[in-house]
C-alpha atoms as a PDB file:
ATOM      1  CA  GLN A   1     -35.007 -28.597  63.018  1.00  0.00           C
ATOM      2  CA  VAL A   2     -38.480 -27.222  64.947  1.00  0.00           C
ATOM      3  CA  GLN A   3     -41.775 -29.027  63.949  1.00  0.00           C
ATOM      4  CA  TRP A   4     -44.962 -27.002  64.092  1.00  0.00           C
ATOM      5  CA  VAL A   5     -47.821 -29.615  65.412  1.00  0.00           C
ATOM      6  CA  GLU A   6     -51.084 -28.054  64.574  1.00  0.00           C
ATOM      7  CA  SER A   7     -54.408 -29.232  65.516  1.00  0.00           C
ATOM      8  CA  GLY A   8     -58.145 -28.341  66.138  1.00  0.00           C
ATOM      9  CA  GLY A   9     -59.552 -27.757  62.663  1.00  0.00           C
ATOM     10  CA  GLY A  10     -62.650 -29.520  61.548  1.00  0.00           C
ATOM     11  CA  LEU A  11     -66.041 -28.684  59.364  1.00  0.00           C
ATOM     12  CA  VAL A  12     -68.488 -26.371  61.247  1.00  0.00           C
ATOM     13  CA  GLN A  13     -71.533 -24.057  60.079  1.00  0.00           C
ATOM     14  CA  PRO A  14     -71.334 -20.283  59.887  1.00  0.00           C
ATOM     15  CA  GLY A  15     -71.185 -18.847  63.256  1.00  0.00           C
ATOM     16  CA  GLU A  16     -69.835 -21.487  65.340  1.00  0.00           C
ATOM     17  CA  SER A  17     -66.216 -21.428  66.843  1.00  0.00           C
ATOM     18  CA  LEU A  18     -63.047 -23.683  66.713  1.00  0.00           C
ATOM     19  CA  ARG A  19     -59.812 -23.603  68.853  1.00  0.00           C
ATOM     20  CA  LEU A  20     -56.836 -24.206  66.846  1.00  0.00           C
ATOM     21  CA  SER A  21     -53.305 -24.987  68.674  1.00  0.00           C
ATOM     22  CA  CYS A  22     -50.056 -25.460  67.867  1.00  0.00           C
ATOM     23  CA  LYS A  23     -46.884 -26.984  69.294  1.00  0.00           C
ATOM     24  CA  ALA A  24     -43.390 -25.817  68.925  1.00  0.00           C
ATOM     25  CA  SER A  25     -42.180 -29.606  68.834  1.00  0.00           C
ATOM     26  CA  ARG A  26     -38.106 -29.876  69.376  1.00  0.00           C
ATOM     27  CA  MET A  27     -37.804 -26.139  69.974  1.00  0.00           C
ATOM     28  CA  ILE A  28     -36.403 -25.232  73.649  1.00  0.00           C
ATOM     29  CA  THR A  29     -38.289 -22.942  75.983  1.00  0.00           C
ATOM     30  CA  SER A  30     -35.336 -20.862  75.824  1.00  0.00           C
ATOM     31  CA  VAL A  31     -36.063 -20.002  71.855  1.00  0.00           C
ATOM     32  CA  PHE A  32     -39.914 -20.003  71.865  1.00  0.00           C
ATOM     33  CA  ASN A  33     -40.423 -17.710  74.491  1.00  0.00           C
ATOM     34  CA  PRO A  34     -38.769 -14.656  72.485  1.00  0.00           C
ATOM     35  CA  GLU A  35     -39.903 -15.314  69.357  1.00  0.00           C
ATOM     36  CA  SER A  36     -43.137 -13.667  67.815  1.00  0.00           C
ATOM     37  CA  MET A  37     -45.659 -16.167  66.889  1.00  0.00           C
ATOM     38  CA  GLY A  38     -47.940 -15.813  64.237  1.00  0.00           C
ATOM     39  CA  TRP A  39     -51.447 -17.876  62.882  1.00  0.00           C
ATOM     40  CA  TYR A  40     -51.053 -17.816  59.148  1.00  0.00           C
ATOM     41  CA  ARG A  41     -53.887 -19.322  56.674  1.00  0.00           C
ATOM     42  CA  GLN A  42     -54.372 -20.146  53.155  1.00  0.00           C
ATOM     43  CA  ALA A  43     -57.337 -20.488  51.206  1.00  0.00           C
ATOM     44  CA  PRO A  44     -57.882 -22.364  47.832  1.00  0.00           C
ATOM     45  CA  GLY A  45     -56.328 -20.523  45.108  1.00  0.00           C
ATOM     46  CA  LYS A  46     -54.990 -17.987  47.402  1.00  0.00           C
ATOM     47  CA  GLU A  47     -51.444 -16.715  49.152  1.00  0.00           C
ATOM     48  CA  ARG A  48     -51.013 -17.601  52.489  1.00  0.00           C
ATOM     49  CA  GLU A  49     -51.594 -14.488  54.586  1.00  0.00           C
ATOM     50  CA  LEU A  50     -51.125 -13.625  58.471  1.00  0.00           C
ATOM     51  CA  VAL A  51     -54.020 -13.447  60.166  1.00  0.00           C
ATOM     52  CA  ALA A  52     -52.736 -13.263  64.189  1.00  0.00           C
ATOM     53  CA  ARG A  53     -49.674 -12.514  65.716  1.00  0.00           C
ATOM     54  CA  ILE A  54     -48.675 -12.503  69.427  1.00  0.00           C
ATOM     55  CA  ASP A  55     -45.615 -11.239  70.438  1.00  0.00           C
ATOM     56  CA  SER A  56     -42.947 -12.391  73.458  1.00  0.00           C
ATOM     57  CA  ASN A  57     -44.861  -9.660  75.750  1.00  0.00           C
ATOM     58  CA  HIS A  58     -48.567 -11.073  74.918  1.00  0.00           C
ATOM     59  CA  GLN A  59     -49.244  -8.066  72.278  1.00  0.00           C
ATOM     60  CA  THR A  60     -51.369  -8.934  69.916  1.00  0.00           C
ATOM     61  CA  ASP A  61     -52.352  -7.654  66.539  1.00  0.00           C
ATOM     62  CA  TYR A  62     -54.770  -9.105  64.012  1.00  0.00           C
ATOM     63  CA  VAL A  63     -55.759  -8.895  60.203  1.00  0.00           C
ATOM     64  CA  ASP A  64     -59.157  -6.531  59.978  1.00  0.00           C
ATOM     65  CA  SER A  65     -60.818  -9.540  58.538  1.00  0.00           C
ATOM     66  CA  VAL A  66     -60.690 -11.624  61.855  1.00  0.00           C
ATOM     67  CA  LYS A  67     -60.659  -8.387  64.529  1.00  0.00           C
ATOM     68  CA  GLY A  68     -63.215  -9.063  67.322  1.00  0.00           C
ATOM     69  CA  ARG A  69     -63.551 -12.689  66.086  1.00  0.00           C
ATOM     70  CA  PHE A  70     -60.479 -14.062  66.469  1.00  0.00           C
ATOM     71  CA  THR A  71     -57.956 -14.236  69.451  1.00  0.00           C
ATOM     72  CA  VAL A  72     -54.703 -15.398  69.650  1.00  0.00           C
ATOM     73  CA  SER A  73     -52.787 -17.037  72.998  1.00  0.00           C
ATOM     74  CA  ARG A  74     -49.524 -18.551  73.835  1.00  0.00           C
ATOM     75  CA  ASP A  75     -48.516 -20.700  76.603  1.00  0.00           C
ATOM     76  CA  ASN A  76     -44.402 -20.678  76.903  1.00  0.00           C
ATOM     77  CA  SER A  77     -44.244 -23.103  79.451  1.00  0.00           C
ATOM     78  CA  LYS A  78     -46.007 -25.695  77.104  1.00  0.00           C
ATOM     79  CA  LYS A  79     -44.384 -23.922  73.786  1.00  0.00           C
ATOM     80  CA  MET A  80     -48.132 -23.693  72.766  1.00  0.00           C
ATOM     81  CA  VAL A  81     -49.935 -21.031  70.339  1.00  0.00           C
ATOM     82  CA  TYR A  82     -53.883 -20.997  70.389  1.00  0.00           C
ATOM     83  CA  LEU A  83     -56.195 -19.730  68.253  1.00  0.00           C
ATOM     84  CA  GLN A  84     -59.869 -19.318  69.278  1.00  0.00           C
ATOM     85  CA  LEU A  85     -62.369 -18.276  66.242  1.00  0.00           C
ATOM     86  CA  ASN A  86     -65.366 -17.670  66.935  1.00  0.00           C
ATOM     87  CA  SER A  87     -68.167 -16.329  64.557  1.00  0.00           C
ATOM     88  CA  LEU A  88     -66.956 -18.274  61.580  1.00  0.00           C
ATOM     89  CA  LYS A  89     -67.891 -17.022  58.313  1.00  0.00           C
ATOM     90  CA  PRO A  90     -67.244 -19.354  54.699  1.00  0.00           C
ATOM     91  CA  GLU A  91     -64.768 -16.808  53.729  1.00  0.00           C
ATOM     92  CA  ASP A  92     -62.536 -18.223  57.129  1.00  0.00           C
ATOM     93  CA  THR A  93     -62.441 -21.521  55.420  1.00  0.00           C
ATOM     94  CA  ALA A  94     -58.506 -22.170  54.993  1.00  0.00           C
ATOM     95  CA  VAL A  95     -55.591 -24.261  56.033  1.00  0.00           C
ATOM     96  CA  TYR A  96     -53.959 -22.680  59.535  1.00  0.00           C
ATOM     97  CA  TYR A  97     -50.680 -22.787  60.007  1.00  0.00           C
ATOM     98  CA  CYS A  98     -48.440 -21.467  63.040  1.00  0.00           C
ATOM     99  CA  ASN A  99     -44.882 -20.245  62.718  1.00  0.00           C
ATOM    100  CA  THR A 100     -42.807 -17.308  63.669  1.00  0.00           C
ATOM    101  CA  VAL A 101     -43.171 -13.776  62.739  1.00  0.00           C
ATOM    102  CA  PRO A 102     -41.253 -13.221  60.641  1.00  0.00           C
ATOM    103  CA  VAL A 103     -41.137 -16.494  59.204  1.00  0.00           C
ATOM    104  CA  LYS A 104     -38.070 -18.671  59.877  1.00  0.00           C
ATOM    105  CA  LYS A 105     -38.837 -22.137  60.032  1.00  0.00           C
ATOM    106  CA  SER A 106     -40.419 -24.601  57.872  1.00  0.00           C
ATOM    107  CA  TRP A 107     -43.946 -24.787  57.654  1.00  0.00           C
ATOM    108  CA  GLY A 108     -45.709 -27.634  59.132  1.00  0.00           C
ATOM    109  CA  GLN A 109     -48.901 -29.391  57.993  1.00  0.00           C
ATOM    110  CA  GLY A 110     -51.482 -27.299  59.221  1.00  0.00           C
ATOM    111  CA  THR A 111     -55.038 -27.724  60.073  1.00  0.00           C
ATOM    112  CA  GLN A 112     -58.247 -27.430  57.842  1.00  0.00           C
ATOM    113  CA  VAL A 113     -60.941 -25.330  58.957  1.00  0.00           C
ATOM    114  CA  ILE A 114     -64.083 -25.744  56.678  1.00  0.00           C
ATOM    115  CA  VAL A 115     -67.260 -23.119  57.391  1.00  0.00           C
ATOM    116  CA  SER A 116     -70.279 -24.357  55.428  1.00  0.00           C
ATOM    117  CA  SER A 117     -73.785 -24.731  55.683  1.00  0.00           C
END
């Protein structure tokens, strides 16, 4: 069973940056590489949403609310997916998760991002 290990979250002030990392533990490279991967987030009291996606050709897509501020990338050799969060806003506060797109695997524990002054 694949395990997603997310890290990099924290408490930051508005306008600051964070870099989130996700490792696909227990997933062999030949399975990871063809998968489209996504970063999802769940804010308090809200449904989980997909905010950034990267496919096997490294083409990316973002939800409108993060376009121009977030950047998703992947390193297939390390089975890693990253999310660079710039110009953070209080409304970006959420638990961030990685998973395939569409979701095929169980969720990891996520990493908490809190944006507050």
